[in-house]
C-alpha atoms as a PDB file:
ATOM      1  CA  UNK A   1      -0.067  -6.051  -6.515  1.00  0.00           C
ATOM      2  CA  UNK A   2      -2.895  -8.019  -4.953  1.00  0.00           C
ATOM      3  CA  UNK A   3      -2.741  -9.130  -1.324  1.00  0.00           C
ATOM      4  CA  UNK A   4      -4.832 -12.079  -0.198  1.00  0.00           C
ATOM      5  CA  UNK A   5      -4.486 -12.316   3.561  1.00  0.00           C
ATOM      6  CA  UNK A   6      -6.638 -14.056   6.158  1.00  0.00           C
ATOM      7  CA  UNK A   7      -8.623 -11.847   8.527  1.00  0.00           C
ATOM      8  CA  UNK A   8      -6.457 -13.078  11.398  1.00  0.00           C
ATOM      9  CA  UNK A   9      -2.867 -13.526  10.335  1.00  0.00           C
ATOM     10  CA  UNK A  10      -1.335 -16.745  11.653  1.00  0.00           C
ATOM     11  CA  UNK A  11       1.798 -16.506  13.767  1.00  0.00           C
ATOM     12  CA  UNK A  12       4.967 -18.472  13.160  1.00  0.00           C
ATOM     13  CA  UNK A  13       8.378 -18.157  14.735  1.00  0.00           C
ATOM     14  CA  UNK A  14      10.909 -16.804  12.273  1.00  0.00           C
ATOM     15  CA  UNK A  15      13.802 -14.457  11.753  1.00  0.00           C
ATOM     16  CA  UNK A  16      11.883 -11.450  10.426  1.00  0.00           C
ATOM     17  CA  UNK A  17      14.855  -9.958   8.567  1.00  0.00           C
ATOM     18  CA  UNK A  18      15.501 -13.205   6.724  1.00  0.00           C
ATOM     19  CA  UNK A  19      11.864 -13.588   5.689  1.00  0.00           C
ATOM     20  CA  UNK A  20      11.846  -9.966   4.512  1.00  0.00           C
ATOM     21  CA  UNK A  21      14.960 -10.706   2.429  1.00  0.00           C
ATOM     22  CA  UNK A  22      13.280 -13.717   0.821  1.00  0.00           C
ATOM     23  CA  UNK A  23      10.053 -11.810   0.056  1.00  0.00           C
ATOM     24  CA  UNK A  24      11.892  -8.819  -1.390  1.00  0.00           C
ATOM     25  CA  UNK A  25      13.898 -11.148  -3.622  1.00  0.00           C
ATOM     26  CA  UNK A  26      10.761 -12.928  -4.848  1.00  0.00           C
ATOM     27  CA  UNK A  27       8.987  -9.606  -5.503  1.00  0.00           C
ATOM     28  CA  UNK A  28      12.015  -8.181  -7.299  1.00  0.00           C
ATOM     29  CA  UNK A  29      12.297 -11.267  -9.509  1.00  0.00           C
ATOM     30  CA  UNK A  30       8.574 -11.124 -10.309  1.00  0.00           C
ATOM     31  CA  UNK A  31       8.801  -7.430 -11.221  1.00  0.00           C
ATOM     32  CA  UNK A  32      11.813  -8.089 -13.447  1.00  0.00           C
ATOM     33  CA  UNK A  33      10.024 -10.981 -15.185  1.00  0.00           C
ATOM     34  CA  UNK A  34       6.994  -8.778 -15.828  1.00  0.00           C
ATOM     35  CA  UNK A  35       9.207  -6.034 -17.242  1.00  0.00           C
ATOM     36  CA  UNK A  36      11.257  -8.380 -19.429  1.00  0.00           C
ATOM     37  CA  UNK A  37       8.082 -10.110 -20.633  1.00  0.00           C
ATOM     38  CA  UNK A  38       6.570  -6.732 -21.557  1.00  0.00           C
ATOM     39  CA  UNK A  39       3.267  -7.787 -19.958  1.00  0.00           C
ATOM     40  CA  UNK A  40       0.356  -5.445 -20.785  1.00  0.00           C
ATOM     41  CA  UNK A  41      -1.457  -5.822 -17.458  1.00  0.00           C
ATOM     42  CA  UNK A  42       1.222  -6.944 -14.979  1.00  0.00           C
ATOM     43  CA  UNK A  43       0.008  -8.554 -11.767  1.00  0.00           C
ATOM     44  CA  UNK A  44       1.683  -9.904  -8.667  1.00  0.00           C
ATOM     45  CA  UNK A  45      -0.403 -11.712  -6.065  1.00  0.00           C
ATOM     46  CA  UNK A  46       0.751 -12.303  -2.498  1.00  0.00           C
ATOM     47  CA  UNK A  47      -1.248 -14.978  -0.706  1.00  0.00           C
ATOM     48  CA  UNK A  48      -0.925 -16.084   2.913  1.00  0.00           C
ATOM     49  CA  UNK A  49      -2.758 -19.190   4.105  1.00  0.00           C
ATOM     50  CA  UNK A  50      -2.578 -21.083   7.359  1.00  0.00           C
ATOM     51  CA  UNK A  51      -2.344 -24.839   7.177  1.00  0.00           C
ATOM     52  CA  UNK A  52      -2.336 -27.535   9.815  1.00  0.00           C
ATOM     53  CA  UNK A  53       1.254 -27.089  11.033  1.00  0.00           C
ATOM     54  CA  UNK A  54       2.312 -23.725   9.671  1.00  0.00           C
ATOM     55  CA  UNK A  55       1.692 -21.169   6.978  1.00  0.00           C
ATOM     56  CA  UNK A  56       1.998 -21.041   3.208  1.00  0.00           C
ATOM     57  CA  UNK A  57       3.035 -17.830   1.521  1.00  0.00           C
ATOM     58  CA  UNK A  58       2.954 -17.585  -2.266  1.00  0.00           C
ATOM     59  CA  UNK A  59       4.106 -14.968  -4.736  1.00  0.00           C
ATOM     60  CA  UNK A  60       2.485 -15.338  -8.167  1.00  0.00           C
ATOM     61  CA  UNK A  61       3.064 -13.280 -11.290  1.00  0.00           C
ATOM     62  CA  UNK A  62       1.481 -13.335 -14.736  1.00  0.00           C
ATOM     63  CA  UNK A  63       4.833 -12.957 -16.477  1.00  0.00           C
ATOM     64  CA  UNK A  64       6.372 -15.010 -19.256  1.00  0.00           C
ATOM     65  CA  UNK A  65       7.016 -18.066 -17.077  1.00  0.00           C
ATOM     66  CA  UNK A  66      10.008 -20.327 -17.551  1.00  0.00           C
ATOM     67  CA  UNK A  67      11.010 -23.451 -19.370  1.00  0.00           C
ATOM     68  CA  UNK A  68      11.290 -26.674 -17.366  1.00  0.00           C
ATOM     69  CA  UNK A  69      15.068 -26.735 -17.904  1.00  0.00           C
ATOM     70  CA  UNK A  70      15.307 -23.338 -16.161  1.00  0.00           C
ATOM     71  CA  UNK A  71      12.786 -24.201 -13.445  1.00  0.00           C
ATOM     72  CA  UNK A  72      14.810 -27.271 -12.426  1.00  0.00           C
ATOM     73  CA  UNK A  73      17.948 -25.174 -11.842  1.00  0.00           C
ATOM     74  CA  UNK A  74      16.418 -21.987 -10.423  1.00  0.00           C
ATOM     75  CA  UNK A  75      17.695 -22.542  -6.849  1.00  0.00           C
ATOM     76  CA  UNK A  76      21.278 -23.425  -7.848  1.00  0.00           C
ATOM     77  CA  UNK A  77      23.956 -20.941  -6.726  1.00  0.00           C
ATOM     78  CA  UNK A  78      25.139 -18.615  -9.520  1.00  0.00           C
ATOM     79  CA  UNK A  79      22.469 -19.812 -11.950  1.00  0.00           C
ATOM     80  CA  UNK A  80      20.837 -16.850 -13.675  1.00  0.00           C
ATOM     81  CA  UNK A  81      18.806 -16.130 -16.769  1.00  0.00           C
ATOM     82  CA  UNK A  82      19.576 -12.419 -16.560  1.00  0.00           C
ATOM     83  CA  UNK A  83      22.107 -10.645 -18.699  1.00  0.00           C
ATOM     84  CA  UNK A  84      25.690 -10.054 -17.691  1.00  0.00           C
ATOM     85  CA  UNK A  85      25.997  -7.620 -14.792  1.00  0.00           C
ATOM     86  CA  UNK A  86      22.247  -7.734 -13.979  1.00  0.00           C
ATOM     87  CA  UNK A  87      22.361 -10.302 -11.189  1.00  0.00           C
ATOM     88  CA  UNK A  88      24.697 -12.678  -9.415  1.00  0.00           C
ATOM     89  CA  UNK A  89      22.452 -15.731  -9.498  1.00  0.00           C
ATOM     90  CA  UNK A  90      22.529 -15.925  -5.705  1.00  0.00           C
ATOM     91  CA  UNK A  91      19.149 -14.457  -4.734  1.00  0.00           C
ATOM     92  CA  UNK A  92      17.056 -17.593  -5.088  1.00  0.00           C
ATOM     93  CA  UNK A  93      19.738 -19.946  -3.773  1.00  0.00           C
ATOM     94  CA  UNK A  94      20.136 -17.796  -0.641  1.00  0.00           C
ATOM     95  CA  UNK A  95      16.338 -17.609  -0.296  1.00  0.00           C
ATOM     96  CA  UNK A  96      16.129 -21.388  -0.582  1.00  0.00           C
ATOM     97  CA  UNK A  97      18.768 -21.813   2.129  1.00  0.00           C
ATOM     98  CA  UNK A  98      17.075 -19.336   4.476  1.00  0.00           C
ATOM     99  CA  UNK A  99      13.727 -21.097   4.181  1.00  0.00           C
ATOM    100  CA  UNK A 100      14.868 -24.728   4.186  1.00  0.00           C
ATOM    101  CA  UNK A 101      17.845 -24.613   6.546  1.00  0.00           C
ATOM    102  CA  UNK A 102      17.325 -21.599   8.803  1.00  0.00           C
ATOM    103  CA  UNK A 103      13.558 -22.026   9.144  1.00  0.00           C
ATOM    104  CA  UNK A 104      13.108 -25.772   8.467  1.00  0.00           C
ATOM    105  CA  UNK A 105      10.504 -24.893   5.836  1.00  0.00           C
ATOM    106  CA  UNK A 106      10.109 -25.521   2.130  1.00  0.00           C
ATOM    107  CA  UNK A 107      10.400 -23.364  -0.985  1.00  0.00           C
ATOM    108  CA  UNK A 108       9.353 -24.432  -4.451  1.00  0.00           C
ATOM    109  CA  UNK A 109       8.321 -22.973  -7.779  1.00  0.00           C
ATOM    110  CA  UNK A 110       5.679 -23.767 -10.395  1.00  0.00           C
ATOM    111  CA  UNK A 111       5.949 -22.263 -13.847  1.00  0.00           C
ATOM    112  CA  UNK A 112       5.237 -22.909 -17.492  1.00  0.00           C
ATOM    113  CA  UNK A 113       6.168 -20.811 -20.497  1.00  0.00           C
ATOM    114  CA  UNK A 114       3.516 -18.160 -21.074  1.00  0.00           C
ATOM    115  CA  UNK A 115       1.694 -19.029 -17.842  1.00  0.00           C
ATOM    116  CA  UNK A 116       3.508 -16.990 -15.202  1.00  0.00           C
ATOM    117  CA  UNK A 117       5.227 -18.218 -12.095  1.00  0.00           C
ATOM    118  CA  UNK A 118       4.335 -19.078  -8.490  1.00  0.00           C
ATOM    119  CA  UNK A 119       6.859 -19.374  -5.684  1.00  0.00           C
ATOM    120  CA  UNK A 120       5.487 -21.060  -2.564  1.00  0.00           C
ATOM    121  CA  UNK A 121       7.121 -21.122   0.801  1.00  0.00           C
ATOM    122  CA  UNK A 122       5.970 -23.052   3.837  1.00  0.00           C
ATOM    123  CA  UNK A 123       7.002 -22.168   7.353  1.00  0.00           C
ATOM    124  CA  UNK A 124       6.291 -24.535  10.240  1.00  0.00           C
ATOM    125  CA  UNK A 125       4.649 -23.280  13.426  1.00  0.00           C
ATOM    126  CA  UNK A 126       7.480 -24.484  15.641  1.00  0.00           C
ATOM    127  CA  UNK A 127      11.167 -24.454  14.817  1.00  0.00           C
ATOM    128  CA  UNK A 128      12.864 -24.780  18.185  1.00  0.00           C
ATOM    129  CA  UNK A 129      14.871 -21.569  17.779  1.00  0.00           C
ATOM    130  CA  UNK A 130      15.120 -19.598  21.008  1.00  0.00           C
ATOM    131  CA  UNK A 131      16.165 -16.408  19.222  1.00  0.00           C
ATOM    132  CA  UNK A 132      13.304 -16.543  16.743  1.00  0.00           C
ATOM    133  CA  UNK A 133      10.699 -13.792  16.691  1.00  0.00           C
ATOM    134  CA  UNK A 134       7.038 -13.985  15.803  1.00  0.00           C
ATOM    135  CA  UNK A 135       6.313 -12.497  12.411  1.00  0.00           C
END
């Protein structure tokens, strides 16, 4: 696992537990993809970058990637590429909801077969949530 963080981490208002849930889900999915793909030198890169009105956090793996037909559906509830009993197909749909609805951010994915996968999430600096914490 490689971490690429700025020397001074930017601050955004967020629900820390929800962001932890999203990151753990993305890391778990990356690890599973690397295992399933039987990658010789598995790598996961976490990158945090400030941008004009928020931060971008990406999780990239060098796994097997996914077909476009899968990539288009990846955030749908109950959609899964895993075998029976291995997952509910809710992890990415819940993550998408937490980022886009609860935090007014964005979550997307780039992937091609054989070229790994990158999930990017953007969190705005201000969200107008009184109960939010800085994370």
